[in-house]
Amino acid sequence: MVKRIYLAGGCFWGVEEYFSRLKGTISTAVGYANGNIANPKYEQLKAGEATHAETLRLDFDDEILPLDKIIEHFLRFVDPYSIDKQGHDVGHQYRSGIYSDDESVLADVSKLLAAKVGSDHKIEVTPLMNFYFAEDYHQDYLKKNPHGYCHVNLSLIKPNEAK
């Protein structure tokens, strides 16, 4: 069954590229989630005018890539104790979060995170309030720009996990 979840783990370029390579991923798109204004632009996030997190919208087949595996992959490259920072990216838009419009999914995510990293983690686990697609040049950025900056170590994907 195809399901959807939203993952904020620093710069969305690397998060998207990582998950796009996994078996069970149906589609990916990057955008801005859980912020204060409608249809923000990247420059507004950088300037601090918009409070959104850079976020991946992930559609996945939960029989191939179940929620516990998504969390396992997410924790391979996200520092769960960092606030407003992942890798060399610093700012409120780079906070870590997992968002959904399904309360049962959020409850499961909270349990999984508590079991894997403890309850003192700094990953937001909250309902999805809003999501706006990022500008076209951000979509599949690392496929278009293979030498672009990425804080996500793509080699953390094991051969049997890759498409």
Foldseek 3Di string as FASTA:
>chain_A
DKDKKKKFAFAVLQVQVLVVFFPFWDDKFWWWFDWDDPPDAPVCQVVVVIQTATMMITIGDCVLQNPLNVLVLSVVQHDQADAQDGAPGHGNNRGTEMEEQDVVSLVVSCVSCCVVPRNNGRYHRYYTPDTDTYDPCSTNVCVVVVPDDDSGDSVVQDPVGGD
